[in-house]
Amino acid sequence: METDRTVYDRQKQFFAEAYKTGKIGWPREGASGLVQLILEAASGTAPGTVLEIGSGEGRNLSPFLERGWRVVAMDLVFDPLLVARKKAIPAKSRQAHFVQGDLFRMPFSPGIFDVVFDFGVYHHLRSPERKNYPRWISGLLKPGGLAGLGLFSEHFRHFPGEERSRDYVTHRGHHDVFFRIGDLPSLLGKRFTLLSSGTESPGELDHYRIAVYRMIRSNP
């Protein structure tokens, strides 16, 4: 897949430096409410295999491991994966796999995951890559699989009093996009249907949209 990598190379440098220095402005502990939405949507089915794109230091892994899921945690940056591996439940360590990988060059076979989700990747993509994202994700999922997104909402602020005239900004070398509740149903296109959504605010200025989708089974 072709894309202008300049902005994403800068973003990789930003995240690598953030993890190296510890100057991280996003949640590091405690699973997102997105995980609970996914588990509720998957209730009644046997635990399967879940991929988290942009897993960071692994805060979203434990609820899946505790319930017997096989977890693949992928991040663009290597250092947080070392932290995530140490935090994985020892008794479930064989069910957790850690991969340094790139959304644009996915190192996985097609159709092997029951769930694919990300908290904090989609909202750093520019418009051309967001348009391609549903195709990339659907290629990884089994028929009827689940997709989850955690996104900046329009209420998110980088600093008190921040004012914006657009739904995106360039901030400290990376691209940020902000979403309204009405944006959620159509984000992943016609191949996905929105099952549930919500909001969460782990900090005073942080405000996220969370949403779970089911991939529509193709006609035989």
C-alpha atoms as a PDB file:
ATOM      1  CA  MET A   1       0.000   0.000   0.000  1.00  0.00           C
ATOM      2  CA  GLU A   2       1.304   3.436  -0.924  1.00  0.00           C
ATOM      3  CA  THR A   3       1.236   6.414   1.405  1.00  0.00           C
ATOM      4  CA  ASP A   4       3.253   9.534   2.149  1.00  0.00           C
ATOM      5  CA  ARG A   5       5.305   8.354   5.088  1.00  0.00           C
ATOM      6  CA  THR A   6       6.874  11.697   6.074  1.00  0.00           C
ATOM      7  CA  VAL A   7       4.220  12.655   8.646  1.00  0.00           C
ATOM      8  CA  TYR A   8       4.186   9.114  10.048  1.00  0.00           C
ATOM      9  CA  ASP A   9       7.961   8.972  10.333  1.00  0.00           C
ATOM     10  CA  ARG A  10       7.780  12.167  12.406  1.00  0.00           C
ATOM     11  CA  GLN A  11       5.054  10.650  14.549  1.00  0.00           C
ATOM     12  CA  LYS A  12       7.117   7.528  15.153  1.00  0.00           C
ATOM     13  CA  GLN A  13       9.983   9.724  16.351  1.00  0.00           C
ATOM     14  CA  PHE A  14       7.600  11.612  18.643  1.00  0.00           C
ATOM     15  CA  PHE A  15       6.279   8.439  20.283  1.00  0.00           C
ATOM     16  CA  ALA A  16       9.718   6.864  20.563  1.00  0.00           C
ATOM     17  CA  GLU A  17      10.992   9.960  22.364  1.00  0.00           C
ATOM     18  CA  ALA A  18       7.927  10.089  24.621  1.00  0.00           C
ATOM     19  CA  TYR A  19       8.435   6.519  25.799  1.00  0.00           C
ATOM     20  CA  LYS A  20      12.177   7.030  26.198  1.00  0.00           C
ATOM     21  CA  THR A  21      11.791  10.144  28.345  1.00  0.00           C
ATOM     22  CA  GLY A  22       8.613   9.073  30.139  1.00  0.00           C
ATOM     23  CA  LYS A  23       6.867  12.294  29.073  1.00  0.00           C
ATOM     24  CA  ILE A  24       3.651  10.584  28.059  1.00  0.00           C
ATOM     25  CA  GLY A  25       0.363  12.434  27.846  1.00  0.00           C
ATOM     26  CA  TRP A  26      -1.961   9.450  27.458  1.00  0.00           C
ATOM     27  CA  PRO A  27      -3.290   6.818  29.889  1.00  0.00           C
ATOM     28  CA  ARG A  28      -0.740   4.189  30.947  1.00  0.00           C
ATOM     29  CA  GLU A  29      -2.651   2.119  33.503  1.00  0.00           C
ATOM     30  CA  GLY A  30      -6.150   0.711  33.726  1.00  0.00           C
ATOM     31  CA  ALA A  31      -7.937  -0.706  30.701  1.00  0.00           C
ATOM     32  CA  SER A  32     -10.026   1.606  28.556  1.00  0.00           C
ATOM     33  CA  GLY A  33     -13.809   1.267  28.679  1.00  0.00           C
ATOM     34  CA  LEU A  34     -13.435   0.215  25.054  1.00  0.00           C
ATOM     35  CA  VAL A  35     -12.237  -3.188  26.269  1.00  0.00           C
ATOM     36  CA  GLN A  36     -15.432  -3.726  28.258  1.00  0.00           C
ATOM     37  CA  LEU A  37     -17.549  -2.770  25.240  1.00  0.00           C
ATOM     38  CA  ILE A  38     -15.669  -5.328  23.139  1.00  0.00           C
ATOM     39  CA  LEU A  39     -16.048  -8.077  25.725  1.00  0.00           C
ATOM     40  CA  GLU A  40     -19.764  -7.353  26.022  1.00  0.00           C
ATOM     41  CA  ALA A  41     -20.153  -7.546  22.243  1.00  0.00           C
ATOM     42  CA  ALA A  42     -18.258 -10.865  22.234  1.00  0.00           C
ATOM     43  CA  SER A  43     -20.208 -12.363  25.137  1.00  0.00           C
ATOM     44  CA  GLY A  44     -21.700 -15.757  24.416  1.00  0.00           C
ATOM     45  CA  THR A  45     -18.833 -16.767  22.142  1.00  0.00           C
ATOM     46  CA  ALA A  46     -15.685 -18.690  23.004  1.00  0.00           C
ATOM     47  CA  PRO A  47     -12.545 -16.595  23.632  1.00  0.00           C
ATOM     48  CA  GLY A  48     -10.665 -16.049  20.406  1.00  0.00           C
ATOM     49  CA  THR A  49      -7.685 -14.073  19.168  1.00  0.00           C
ATOM     50  CA  VAL A  50      -7.493 -10.316  19.559  1.00  0.00           C
ATOM     51  CA  LEU A  51      -5.060  -7.830  17.985  1.00  0.00           C
ATOM     52  CA  GLU A  52      -4.472  -4.447  19.575  1.00  0.00           C
ATOM     53  CA  ILE A  53      -2.866  -1.978  17.184  1.00  0.00           C
ATOM     54  CA  GLY A  54      -0.808   0.615  19.038  1.00  0.00           C
ATOM     55  CA  SER A  55      -0.846  -1.372  22.274  1.00  0.00           C
ATOM     56  CA  GLY A  56       1.741   0.827  23.992  1.00  0.00           C
ATOM     57  CA  GLU A  57       2.620  -0.449  27.460  1.00  0.00           C
ATOM     58  CA  GLY A  58      -0.198  -2.989  27.457  1.00  0.00           C
ATOM     59  CA  ARG A  59      -2.840  -1.424  29.685  1.00  0.00           C
ATOM     60  CA  ASN A  60      -5.649  -3.080  27.689  1.00  0.00           C
ATOM     61  CA  LEU A  61      -4.352  -6.647  27.699  1.00  0.00           C
ATOM     62  CA  SER A  62      -5.212  -8.103  31.109  1.00  0.00           C
ATOM     63  CA  PRO A  63      -9.026  -8.271  30.745  1.00  0.00           C
ATOM     64  CA  PHE A  64      -8.631 -10.403  27.625  1.00  0.00           C
ATOM     65  CA  LEU A  65      -5.959 -12.652  29.123  1.00  0.00           C
ATOM     66  CA  GLU A  66      -8.004 -13.170  32.287  1.00  0.00           C
ATOM     67  CA  ARG A  67     -10.862 -14.477  30.136  1.00  0.00           C
ATOM     68  CA  GLY A  68      -8.740 -16.854  28.110  1.00  0.00           C
ATOM     69  CA  TRP A  69      -8.228 -14.822  24.954  1.00  0.00           C
ATOM     70  CA  ARG A  70      -5.071 -15.121  22.883  1.00  0.00           C
ATOM     71  CA  VAL A  71      -3.655 -11.591  22.603  1.00  0.00           C
ATOM     72  CA  VAL A  72      -1.380 -10.066  19.997  1.00  0.00           C
ATOM     73  CA  ALA A  73      -0.084  -6.642  21.053  1.00  0.00           C
ATOM     74  CA  MET A  74       1.449  -4.597  18.239  1.00  0.00           C
ATOM     75  CA  ASP A  75       3.134  -1.217  18.463  1.00  0.00           C
ATOM     76  CA  LEU A  76       5.171   0.895  16.088  1.00  0.00           C
ATOM     77  CA  VAL A  77       7.719   1.545  18.850  1.00  0.00           C
ATOM     78  CA  PHE A  78       9.746  -1.203  20.538  1.00  0.00           C
ATOM     79  CA  ASP A  79      10.295   0.148  24.081  1.00  0.00           C
ATOM     80  CA  PRO A  80       6.665   0.050  25.305  1.00  0.00           C
ATOM     81  CA  LEU A  81       6.363  -3.569  24.193  1.00  0.00           C
ATOM     82  CA  LEU A  82       9.066  -4.510  26.724  1.00  0.00           C
ATOM     83  CA  VAL A  83       6.968  -2.905  29.469  1.00  0.00           C
ATOM     84  CA  ALA A  84       3.814  -4.622  28.211  1.00  0.00           C
ATOM     85  CA  ARG A  85       5.516  -7.997  28.253  1.00  0.00           C
ATOM     86  CA  LYS A  86       6.586  -7.554  31.877  1.00  0.00           C
ATOM     87  CA  LYS A  87       3.048  -6.571  32.868  1.00  0.00           C
ATOM     88  CA  ALA A  88       1.375  -9.554  31.192  1.00  0.00           C
ATOM     89  CA  ILE A  89      -0.192 -12.043  33.622  1.00  0.00           C
ATOM     90  CA  PRO A  90       2.549 -14.658  34.233  1.00  0.00           C
ATOM     91  CA  ALA A  91       0.132 -17.589  34.205  1.00  0.00           C
ATOM     92  CA  LYS A  92      -1.202 -16.408  30.851  1.00  0.00           C
ATOM     93  CA  SER A  93       2.096 -15.353  29.290  1.00  0.00           C
ATOM     94  CA  ARG A  94       1.928 -17.999  26.573  1.00  0.00           C
ATOM     95  CA  GLN A  95      -1.316 -16.452  25.362  1.00  0.00           C
ATOM     96  CA  ALA A  96       0.309 -13.039  24.850  1.00  0.00           C
ATOM     97  CA  HIS A  97       2.462 -12.176  21.853  1.00  0.00           C
ATOM     98  CA  PHE A  98       4.270  -8.877  21.288  1.00  0.00           C
ATOM     99  CA  VAL A  99       5.074  -7.561  17.817  1.00  0.00           C
ATOM    100  CA  GLN A 100       6.778  -4.403  16.640  1.00  0.00           C
ATOM    101  CA  GLY A 101       4.798  -3.658  13.509  1.00  0.00           C
ATOM    102  CA  ASP A 102       3.460  -1.015  11.170  1.00  0.00           C
ATOM    103  CA  LEU A 103      -0.196  -0.424  10.327  1.00  0.00           C
ATOM    104  CA  PHE A 104       0.845   0.148   6.712  1.00  0.00           C
ATOM    105  CA  ARG A 105       2.781  -3.138   6.490  1.00  0.00           C
ATOM    106  CA  MET A 106       0.806  -5.549   8.633  1.00  0.00           C
ATOM    107  CA  PRO A 107       2.862  -8.687   9.408  1.00  0.00           C
ATOM    108  CA  PHE A 108      -0.174 -10.995   9.678  1.00  0.00           C
ATOM    109  CA  SER A 109      -2.037 -13.444   7.482  1.00  0.00           C
ATOM    110  CA  PRO A 110      -5.523 -12.422   6.346  1.00  0.00           C
ATOM    111  CA  GLY A 111      -8.592 -13.320   8.360  1.00  0.00           C
ATOM    112  CA  ILE A 112      -6.974 -14.644  11.539  1.00  0.00           C
ATOM    113  CA  PHE A 113      -8.390 -12.336  14.239  1.00  0.00           C
ATOM    114  CA  ASP A 114     -11.744 -12.358  15.999  1.00  0.00           C
ATOM    115  CA  VAL A 115     -11.192  -8.803  17.244  1.00  0.00           C
ATOM    116  CA  VAL A 116      -8.990  -5.942  16.023  1.00  0.00           C
ATOM    117  CA  PHE A 117      -8.963  -2.690  17.952  1.00  0.00           C
ATOM    118  CA  ASP A 118      -6.934   0.409  18.604  1.00  0.00           C
ATOM    119  CA  PHE A 119      -7.108   3.120  21.214  1.00  0.00           C
ATOM    120  CA  GLY A 120      -5.268   6.135  19.867  1.00  0.00           C
ATOM    121  CA  VAL A 121      -4.070   5.170  16.381  1.00  0.00           C
ATOM    122  CA  TYR A 122      -6.950   6.051  14.074  1.00  0.00           C
ATOM    123  CA  HIS A 123      -7.071   9.643  15.339  1.00  0.00           C
ATOM    124  CA  HIS A 124      -3.464  10.179  14.236  1.00  0.00           C
ATOM    125  CA  LEU A 125      -4.166   9.214  10.619  1.00  0.00           C
ATOM    126  CA  ARG A 126      -4.670  11.687   7.815  1.00  0.00           C
ATOM    127  CA  SER A 127      -7.764  11.513   5.626  1.00  0.00           C
ATOM    128  CA  PRO A 128      -6.336   9.209   2.883  1.00  0.00           C
ATOM    129  CA  GLU A 129      -5.209   6.636   5.439  1.00  0.00           C
ATOM    130  CA  ARG A 130      -8.485   6.847   7.381  1.00  0.00           C
ATOM    131  CA  LYS A 131     -10.329   6.020   4.159  1.00  0.00           C
ATOM    132  CA  ASN A 132      -8.179   2.912   3.702  1.00  0.00           C
ATOM    133  CA  TYR A 133      -8.317   1.827   7.343  1.00  0.00           C
ATOM    134  CA  PRO A 134     -11.596  -0.176   7.046  1.00  0.00           C
ATOM    135  CA  ARG A 135     -10.140  -2.205   4.192  1.00  0.00           C
ATOM    136  CA  TRP A 136      -6.960  -2.928   6.133  1.00  0.00           C
ATOM    137  CA  ILE A 137      -8.890  -3.979   9.234  1.00  0.00           C
ATOM    138  CA  SER A 138     -11.469  -6.080   7.421  1.00  0.00           C
ATOM    139  CA  GLY A 139      -8.619  -7.969   5.776  1.00  0.00           C
ATOM    140  CA  LEU A 140      -7.381  -9.087   9.197  1.00  0.00           C
ATOM    141  CA  LEU A 141     -10.748 -10.092  10.652  1.00  0.00           C
ATOM    142  CA  LYS A 142     -12.653 -13.338  10.455  1.00  0.00           C
ATOM    143  CA  PRO A 143     -16.182 -13.032   9.008  1.00  0.00           C
ATOM    144  CA  GLY A 144     -18.389 -11.300  11.559  1.00  0.00           C
ATOM    145  CA  GLY A 145     -15.377 -10.151  13.580  1.00  0.00           C
ATOM    146  CA  LEU A 146     -15.332  -7.123  15.849  1.00  0.00           C
ATOM    147  CA  ALA A 147     -13.438  -3.851  15.438  1.00  0.00           C
ATOM    148  CA  GLY A 148     -12.928  -1.264  18.184  1.00  0.00           C
ATOM    149  CA  LEU A 149     -11.814   2.372  18.138  1.00  0.00           C
ATOM    150  CA  GLY A 150     -10.762   4.791  20.874  1.00  0.00           C
ATOM    151  CA  LEU A 151     -10.635   8.345  19.506  1.00  0.00           C
ATOM    152  CA  PHE A 152     -10.113  11.959  20.511  1.00  0.00           C
ATOM    153  CA  SER A 153     -13.475  13.692  20.798  1.00  0.00           C
ATOM    154  CA  GLU A 154     -14.126  17.317  19.928  1.00  0.00           C
ATOM    155  CA  HIS A 155     -13.939  18.051  23.671  1.00  0.00           C
ATOM    156  CA  PHE A 156     -10.330  16.881  23.996  1.00  0.00           C
ATOM    157  CA  ARG A 157      -7.839  19.629  24.812  1.00  0.00           C
ATOM    158  CA  HIS A 158      -4.041  19.507  24.752  1.00  0.00           C
ATOM    159  CA  PHE A 159      -3.895  22.378  27.248  1.00  0.00           C
ATOM    160  CA  PRO A 160      -6.404  24.545  29.147  1.00  0.00           C
ATOM    161  CA  GLY A 161      -8.106  27.091  26.917  1.00  0.00           C
ATOM    162  CA  GLU A 162      -7.014  25.477  23.638  1.00  0.00           C
ATOM    163  CA  GLU A 163      -9.163  26.778  20.782  1.00  0.00           C
ATOM    164  CA  ARG A 164      -9.490  25.123  17.383  1.00  0.00           C
ATOM    165  CA  SER A 165     -11.265  26.155  14.217  1.00  0.00           C
ATOM    166  CA  ARG A 166     -10.868  22.748  12.504  1.00  0.00           C
ATOM    167  CA  ASP A 167     -11.413  19.109  13.421  1.00  0.00           C
ATOM    168  CA  TYR A 168      -7.684  18.419  13.184  1.00  0.00           C
ATOM    169  CA  VAL A 169      -4.394  19.997  14.273  1.00  0.00           C
ATOM    170  CA  THR A 170      -0.677  19.351  14.050  1.00  0.00           C
ATOM    171  CA  HIS A 171       0.601  19.207  17.618  1.00  0.00           C
ATOM    172  CA  ARG A 172       4.207  18.599  18.674  1.00  0.00           C
ATOM    173  CA  GLY A 173       5.027  16.918  15.385  1.00  0.00           C
ATOM    174  CA  HIS A 174       2.006  14.643  15.067  1.00  0.00           C
ATOM    175  CA  HIS A 175      -1.410  14.774  13.436  1.00  0.00           C
ATOM    176  CA  ASP A 176      -4.497  14.814  15.694  1.00  0.00           C
ATOM    177  CA  VAL A 177      -8.089  14.436  14.488  1.00  0.00           C
ATOM    178  CA  PHE A 178     -11.181  15.002  16.664  1.00  0.00           C
ATOM    179  CA  PHE A 179     -14.532  13.225  16.344  1.00  0.00           C
ATOM    180  CA  ARG A 180     -18.135  13.948  17.296  1.00  0.00           C
ATOM    181  CA  ILE A 181     -20.603  11.295  18.403  1.00  0.00           C
ATOM    182  CA  GLY A 182     -22.409  11.618  15.068  1.00  0.00           C
ATOM    183  CA  ASP A 183     -19.245  10.661  13.185  1.00  0.00           C
ATOM    184  CA  LEU A 184     -19.052   7.181  14.697  1.00  0.00           C
ATOM    185  CA  PRO A 185     -21.642   5.179  12.690  1.00  0.00           C
ATOM    186  CA  SER A 186     -19.966   5.809   9.331  1.00  0.00           C
ATOM    187  CA  LEU A 187     -16.274   5.824  10.295  1.00  0.00           C
ATOM    188  CA  LEU A 188     -15.576   2.272   9.098  1.00  0.00           C
ATOM    189  CA  GLY A 189     -17.799   2.402   6.056  1.00  0.00           C
ATOM    190  CA  LYS A 190     -20.449   0.028   4.750  1.00  0.00           C
ATOM    191  CA  ARG A 191     -18.633  -3.165   5.709  1.00  0.00           C
ATOM    192  CA  PHE A 192     -19.094  -2.464   9.425  1.00  0.00           C
ATOM    193  CA  THR A 193     -22.104  -1.769  11.601  1.00  0.00           C
ATOM    194  CA  LEU A 194     -21.842   0.165  14.870  1.00  0.00           C
ATOM    195  CA  LEU A 195     -22.812  -2.007  17.851  1.00  0.00           C
ATOM    196  CA  SER A 196     -22.132   0.265  20.813  1.00  0.00           C
ATOM    197  CA  SER A 197     -20.388   3.512  21.708  1.00  0.00           C
ATOM    198  CA  GLY A 198     -19.589   5.735  24.642  1.00  0.00           C
ATOM    199  CA  THR A 199     -17.230   8.328  26.047  1.00  0.00           C
ATOM    200  CA  GLU A 200     -14.535   8.362  28.679  1.00  0.00           C
ATOM    201  CA  SER A 201     -12.507  11.095  30.356  1.00  0.00           C
ATOM    202  CA  PRO A 202      -9.557   9.710  32.327  1.00  0.00           C
ATOM    203  CA  GLY A 203      -8.202  13.213  32.957  1.00  0.00           C
ATOM    204  CA  GLU A 204      -9.518  16.748  33.282  1.00  0.00           C
ATOM    205  CA  LEU A 205      -8.719  17.656  29.668  1.00  0.00           C
ATOM    206  CA  ASP A 206      -8.947  14.166  28.120  1.00  0.00           C
ATOM    207  CA  HIS A 207     -12.164  13.199  26.376  1.00  0.00           C
ATOM    208  CA  TYR A 208     -12.449  10.168  24.124  1.00  0.00           C
ATOM    209  CA  ARG A 209     -15.058   8.472  21.973  1.00  0.00           C
ATOM    210  CA  ILE A 210     -15.093   4.673  22.152  1.00  0.00           C
ATOM    211  CA  ALA A 211     -16.951   2.485  19.669  1.00  0.00           C
ATOM    212  CA  VAL A 212     -17.319  -1.178  18.726  1.00  0.00           C
ATOM    213  CA  TYR A 213     -18.315  -2.409  15.272  1.00  0.00           C
ATOM    214  CA  ARG A 214     -19.121  -5.766  13.720  1.00  0.00           C
ATOM    215  CA  MET A 215     -17.869  -6.599  10.269  1.00  0.00           C
ATOM    216  CA  ILE A 216     -20.815  -7.554   8.072  1.00  0.00           C
ATOM    217  CA  ARG A 217     -20.494 -11.070   6.723  1.00  0.00           C
ATOM    218  CA  SER A 218     -19.999 -11.170   2.975  1.00  0.00           C
ATOM    219  CA  ASN A 219     -22.657 -12.850   0.901  1.00  0.00           C
ATOM    220  CA  PRO A 220     -21.703 -16.394  -0.150  1.00  0.00           C
END
